[in-house]
Amino acid sequence: MTLDLCASVGRMDHDDLAALADILPSMKWQAPQGSERRTWADALMRRVIDAQEAHERG
């Protein structure tokens, strides 16, 4: 599921990206430092930000 979500971020519309961007920071900060969950949340946040910027440019 993790890979499916990461792959689909690029296909999300602006509203879906905004909703995901709203919840990811709390997911990241609730995960223990150095945990796989925190690393995953951080990587997903980067993908969401990149996708949002691509939508703004596109």
PDB file of N, CA and C in Angstrom:
ATOM      1  N   MET A   1       0.822  -1.193   0.000  1.00  0.00           N
ATOM      2  CA  MET A   1       0.000   0.000   0.000  1.00  0.00           C
ATOM      3  C   MET A   1       0.866   1.258   0.000  1.00  0.00           C
ATOM      4  N   THR A   2       1.955   1.247   0.711  1.00  0.00           N
ATOM      5  CA  THR A   2       2.816   2.414   0.775  1.00  0.00           C
ATOM      6  C   THR A   2       3.284   2.817  -0.609  1.00  0.00           C
ATOM      7  N   LEU A   3       3.738   1.863  -1.381  1.00  0.00           N
ATOM      8  CA  LEU A   3       4.216   2.173  -2.723  1.00  0.00           C
ATOM      9  C   LEU A   3       3.081   2.661  -3.608  1.00  0.00           C
ATOM     10  N   ASP A   4       1.888   2.076  -3.456  1.00  0.00           N
ATOM     11  CA  ASP A   4       0.736   2.511  -4.239  1.00  0.00           C
ATOM     12  C   ASP A   4       0.403   3.972  -3.951  1.00  0.00           C
ATOM     13  N   LEU A   5       0.421   4.361  -2.690  1.00  0.00           N
ATOM     14  CA  LEU A   5       0.107   5.733  -2.324  1.00  0.00           C
ATOM     15  C   LEU A   5       1.161   6.686  -2.868  1.00  0.00           C
ATOM     16  N   CYS A   6       2.432   6.324  -2.739  1.00  0.00           N
ATOM     17  CA  CYS A   6       3.503   7.184  -3.242  1.00  0.00           C
ATOM     18  C   CYS A   6       3.401   7.348  -4.755  1.00  0.00           C
ATOM     19  N   ALA A   7       3.079   6.289  -5.453  1.00  0.00           N
ATOM     20  CA  ALA A   7       2.969   6.353  -6.904  1.00  0.00           C
ATOM     21  C   ALA A   7       1.772   7.177  -7.343  1.00  0.00           C
ATOM     22  N   SER A   8       0.701   7.168  -6.554  1.00  0.00           N
ATOM     23  CA  SER A   8      -0.505   7.879  -6.971  1.00  0.00           C
ATOM     24  C   SER A   8      -0.494   9.361  -6.606  1.00  0.00           C
ATOM     25  N   VAL A   9       0.463   9.812  -5.809  1.00  0.00           N
ATOM     26  CA  VAL A   9       0.519  11.218  -5.411  1.00  0.00           C
ATOM     27  C   VAL A   9       0.587  12.122  -6.639  1.00  0.00           C
ATOM     28  N   GLY A  10       1.343  11.735  -7.625  1.00  0.00           N
ATOM     29  CA  GLY A  10       1.487  12.544  -8.835  1.00  0.00           C
ATOM     30  C   GLY A  10       0.196  12.680  -9.624  1.00  0.00           C
ATOM     31  N   ARG A  11      -0.752  11.793  -9.393  1.00  0.00           N
ATOM     32  CA  ARG A  11      -2.029  11.831 -10.128  1.00  0.00           C
ATOM     33  C   ARG A  11      -3.150  12.488  -9.331  1.00  0.00           C
ATOM     34  N   MET A  12      -2.872  12.910  -8.100  1.00  0.00           N
ATOM     35  CA  MET A  12      -3.910  13.524  -7.266  1.00  0.00           C
ATOM     36  C   MET A  12      -4.209  14.940  -7.724  1.00  0.00           C
ATOM     37  N   ASP A  13      -5.459  15.370  -7.492  1.00  0.00           N
ATOM     38  CA  ASP A  13      -5.799  16.749  -7.823  1.00  0.00           C
ATOM     39  C   ASP A  13      -5.393  17.662  -6.662  1.00  0.00           C
ATOM     40  N   HIS A  14      -5.569  18.940  -6.861  1.00  0.00           N
ATOM     41  CA  HIS A  14      -5.112  19.940  -5.886  1.00  0.00           C
ATOM     42  C   HIS A  14      -5.760  19.740  -4.514  1.00  0.00           C
ATOM     43  N   ASP A  15      -7.056  19.459  -4.482  1.00  0.00           N
ATOM     44  CA  ASP A  15      -7.764  19.287  -3.209  1.00  0.00           C
ATOM     45  C   ASP A  15      -7.266  18.064  -2.440  1.00  0.00           C
ATOM     46  N   ASP A  16      -7.035  16.964  -3.152  1.00  0.00           N
ATOM     47  CA  ASP A  16      -6.532  15.758  -2.495  1.00  0.00           C
ATOM     48  C   ASP A  16      -5.121  15.977  -1.946  1.00  0.00           C
ATOM     49  N   LEU A  17      -4.293  16.670  -2.716  1.00  0.00           N
ATOM     50  CA  LEU A  17      -2.938  16.972  -2.246  1.00  0.00           C
ATOM     51  C   LEU A  17      -2.968  17.863  -1.009  1.00  0.00           C
ATOM     52  N   ALA A  18      -3.872  18.840  -1.004  1.00  0.00           N
ATOM     53  CA  ALA A  18      -3.985  19.735   0.144  1.00  0.00           C
ATOM     54  C   ALA A  18      -4.422  18.970   1.390  1.00  0.00           C
ATOM     55  N   ALA A  19      -5.356  18.049   1.227  1.00  0.00           N
ATOM     56  CA  ALA A  19      -5.816  17.254   2.368  1.00  0.00           C
ATOM     57  C   ALA A  19      -4.693  16.383   2.911  1.00  0.00           C
ATOM     58  N   LEU A  20      -3.949  15.775   2.021  1.00  0.00           N
ATOM     59  CA  LEU A  20      -2.822  14.947   2.436  1.00  0.00           C
ATOM     60  C   LEU A  20      -1.739  15.788   3.101  1.00  0.00           C
ATOM     61  N   ALA A  21      -1.484  16.957   2.559  1.00  0.00           N
ATOM     62  CA  ALA A  21      -0.487  17.857   3.138  1.00  0.00           C
ATOM     63  C   ALA A  21      -0.892  18.309   4.538  1.00  0.00           C
ATOM     64  N   ASP A  22      -2.177  18.376   4.797  1.00  0.00           N
ATOM     65  CA  ASP A  22      -2.663  18.779   6.123  1.00  0.00           C
ATOM     66  C   ASP A  22      -2.432  17.703   7.186  1.00  0.00           C
ATOM     67  N   ILE A  23      -2.528  16.432   6.797  1.00  0.00           N
ATOM     68  CA  ILE A  23      -2.420  15.375   7.803  1.00  0.00           C
ATOM     69  C   ILE A  23      -1.003  14.813   7.948  1.00  0.00           C
ATOM     70  N   LEU A  24      -0.172  14.948   6.947  1.00  0.00           N
ATOM     71  CA  LEU A  24       1.157  14.338   7.012  1.00  0.00           C
ATOM     72  C   LEU A  24       2.049  14.885   8.127  1.00  0.00           C
ATOM     73  N   PRO A  25       2.074  16.182   8.387  1.00  0.00           N
ATOM     74  CA  PRO A  25       2.956  16.653   9.466  1.00  0.00           C
ATOM     75  C   PRO A  25       2.659  15.996  10.820  1.00  0.00           C
ATOM     76  N   SER A  26       1.388  15.820  11.153  1.00  0.00           N
ATOM     77  CA  SER A  26       1.083  15.185  12.438  1.00  0.00           C
ATOM     78  C   SER A  26       1.484  13.716  12.427  1.00  0.00           C
ATOM     79  N   MET A  27       1.343  13.054  11.285  1.00  0.00           N
ATOM     80  CA  MET A  27       1.800  11.668  11.177  1.00  0.00           C
ATOM     81  C   MET A  27       3.301  11.589  11.423  1.00  0.00           C
ATOM     82  N   LYS A  28       4.025  12.550  10.846  1.00  0.00           N
ATOM     83  CA  LYS A  28       5.479  12.543  10.995  1.00  0.00           C
ATOM     84  C   LYS A  28       5.874  12.782  12.447  1.00  0.00           C
ATOM     85  N   TRP A  29       5.304  13.789  13.063  1.00  0.00           N
ATOM     86  CA  TRP A  29       5.731  14.148  14.419  1.00  0.00           C
ATOM     87  C   TRP A  29       5.269  13.155  15.474  1.00  0.00           C
ATOM     88  N   GLN A  30       4.242  12.376  15.190  1.00  0.00           N
ATOM     89  CA  GLN A  30       3.790  11.354  16.137  1.00  0.00           C
ATOM     90  C   GLN A  30       4.654  10.093  16.080  1.00  0.00           C
ATOM     91  N   ALA A  31       5.381   9.923  14.993  1.00  0.00           N
ATOM     92  CA  ALA A  31       6.236   8.737  14.841  1.00  0.00           C
ATOM     93  C   ALA A  31       7.567   8.965  15.561  1.00  0.00           C
ATOM     94  N   PRO A  32       8.105   7.936  16.170  1.00  0.00           N
ATOM     95  CA  PRO A  32       9.394   8.077  16.860  1.00  0.00           C
ATOM     96  C   PRO A  32      10.520   8.453  15.887  1.00  0.00           C
ATOM     97  N   GLN A  33      11.430   9.269  16.374  1.00  0.00           N
ATOM     98  CA  GLN A  33      12.591   9.694  15.574  1.00  0.00           C
ATOM     99  C   GLN A  33      13.339   8.453  15.086  1.00  0.00           C
ATOM    100  N   GLY A  34      13.671   8.415  13.807  1.00  0.00           N
ATOM    101  CA  GLY A  34      14.423   7.306  13.236  1.00  0.00           C
ATOM    102  C   GLY A  34      13.599   6.087  12.869  1.00  0.00           C
ATOM    103  N   SER A  35      12.296   6.137  13.105  1.00  0.00           N
ATOM    104  CA  SER A  35      11.451   4.980  12.785  1.00  0.00           C
ATOM    105  C   SER A  35      11.151   4.945  11.290  1.00  0.00           C
ATOM    106  N   GLU A  36      10.775   3.766  10.830  1.00  0.00           N
ATOM    107  CA  GLU A  36      10.415   3.597   9.425  1.00  0.00           C
ATOM    108  C   GLU A  36       9.189   4.440   9.075  1.00  0.00           C
ATOM    109  N   ARG A  37       8.242   4.511  10.004  1.00  0.00           N
ATOM    110  CA  ARG A  37       7.017   5.299   9.770  1.00  0.00           C
ATOM    111  C   ARG A  37       7.342   6.780   9.594  1.00  0.00           C
ATOM    112  N   ARG A  38       8.276   7.290  10.390  1.00  0.00           N
ATOM    113  CA  ARG A  38       8.643   8.700  10.263  1.00  0.00           C
ATOM    114  C   ARG A  38       9.381   8.949   8.943  1.00  0.00           C
ATOM    115  N   THR A  39      10.264   8.044   8.576  1.00  0.00           N
ATOM    116  CA  THR A  39      10.979   8.153   7.305  1.00  0.00           C
ATOM    117  C   THR A  39       9.999   8.124   6.138  1.00  0.00           C
ATOM    118  N   TRP A  40       8.991   7.229   6.212  1.00  0.00           N
ATOM    119  CA  TRP A  40       7.978   7.131   5.168  1.00  0.00           C
ATOM    120  C   TRP A  40       7.159   8.414   5.086  1.00  0.00           C
ATOM    121  N   ALA A  41       6.742   8.945   6.235  1.00  0.00           N
ATOM    122  CA  ALA A  41       5.938  10.169   6.243  1.00  0.00           C
ATOM    123  C   ALA A  41       6.732  11.339   5.675  1.00  0.00           C
ATOM    124  N   ASP A  42       8.013  11.414   6.005  1.00  0.00           N
ATOM    125  CA  ASP A  42       8.859  12.482   5.494  1.00  0.00           C
ATOM    126  C   ASP A  42       9.008  12.382   3.975  1.00  0.00           C
ATOM    127  N   ALA A  43       9.245  11.179   3.479  1.00  0.00           N
ATOM    128  CA  ALA A  43       9.378  10.978   2.038  1.00  0.00           C
ATOM    129  C   ALA A  43       8.070  11.298   1.317  1.00  0.00           C
ATOM    130  N   LEU A  44       6.955  10.895   1.910  1.00  0.00           N
ATOM    131  CA  LEU A  44       5.655  11.177   1.295  1.00  0.00           C
ATOM    132  C   LEU A  44       5.369  12.674   1.296  1.00  0.00           C
ATOM    133  N   MET A  45       5.760  13.368   2.358  1.00  0.00           N
ATOM    134  CA  MET A  45       5.593  14.827   2.404  1.00  0.00           C
ATOM    135  C   MET A  45       6.364  15.489   1.265  1.00  0.00           C
ATOM    136  N   ARG A  46       7.580  15.015   1.020  1.00  0.00           N
ATOM    137  CA  ARG A  46       8.371  15.577  -0.085  1.00  0.00           C
ATOM    138  C   ARG A  46       7.671  15.353  -1.426  1.00  0.00           C
ATOM    139  N   ARG A  47       7.106  14.166  -1.611  1.00  0.00           N
ATOM    140  CA  ARG A  47       6.394  13.878  -2.869  1.00  0.00           C
ATOM    141  C   ARG A  47       5.165  14.762  -3.031  1.00  0.00           C
ATOM    142  N   VAL A  48       4.447  14.975  -1.937  1.00  0.00           N
ATOM    143  CA  VAL A  48       3.254  15.827  -1.983  1.00  0.00           C
ATOM    144  C   VAL A  48       3.640  17.260  -2.322  1.00  0.00           C
ATOM    145  N   ILE A  49       4.685  17.769  -1.691  1.00  0.00           N
ATOM    146  CA  ILE A  49       5.145  19.135  -1.977  1.00  0.00           C
ATOM    147  C   ILE A  49       5.572  19.247  -3.436  1.00  0.00           C
ATOM    148  N   ASP A  50       6.313  18.273  -3.937  1.00  0.00           N
ATOM    149  CA  ASP A  50       6.726  18.289  -5.347  1.00  0.00           C
ATOM    150  C   ASP A  50       5.516  18.277  -6.272  1.00  0.00           C
ATOM    151  N   ALA A  51       4.517  17.458  -5.949  1.00  0.00           N
ATOM    152  CA  ALA A  51       3.307  17.386  -6.782  1.00  0.00           C
ATOM    153  C   ALA A  51       2.525  18.696  -6.734  1.00  0.00           C
ATOM    154  N   GLN A  52       2.442  19.313  -5.540  1.00  0.00           N
ATOM    155  CA  GLN A  52       1.752  20.595  -5.431  1.00  0.00           C
ATOM    156  C   GLN A  52       2.455  21.662  -6.276  1.00  0.00           C
ATOM    157  N   GLU A  53       3.767  21.683  -6.224  1.00  0.00           N
ATOM    158  CA  GLU A  53       4.518  22.650  -7.020  1.00  0.00           C
ATOM    159  C   GLU A  53       4.332  22.388  -8.517  1.00  0.00           C
ATOM    160  N   ALA A  54       4.276  21.129  -8.907  1.00  0.00           N
ATOM    161  CA  ALA A  54       4.045  20.803 -10.318  1.00  0.00           C
ATOM    162  C   ALA A  54       2.666  21.257 -10.765  1.00  0.00           C
ATOM    163  N   HIS A  55       1.656  21.102  -9.896  1.00  0.00           N
ATOM    164  CA  HIS A  55       0.307  21.582 -10.227  1.00  0.00           C
ATOM    165  C   HIS A  55       0.306  23.097 -10.393  1.00  0.00           C
ATOM    166  N   GLU A  56       1.028  23.790  -9.546  1.00  0.00           N
ATOM    167  CA  GLU A  56       1.074  25.263  -9.627  1.00  0.00           C
ATOM    168  C   GLU A  56       1.765  25.728 -10.912  1.00  0.00           C
ATOM    169  N   ARG A  57       2.783  25.011 -11.329  1.00  0.00           N
ATOM    170  CA  ARG A  57       3.507  25.376 -12.560  1.00  0.00           C
ATOM    171  C   ARG A  57       2.716  24.997 -13.801  1.00  0.00           C
ATOM    172  N   GLY A  58       1.947  23.892 -13.696  1.00  0.00           N
ATOM    173  CA  GLY A  58       1.303  23.304 -14.849  1.00  0.00           C
ATOM    174  C   GLY A  58       0.036  23.916 -15.216  1.00  0.00           C
TER     175      GLY A  58
END
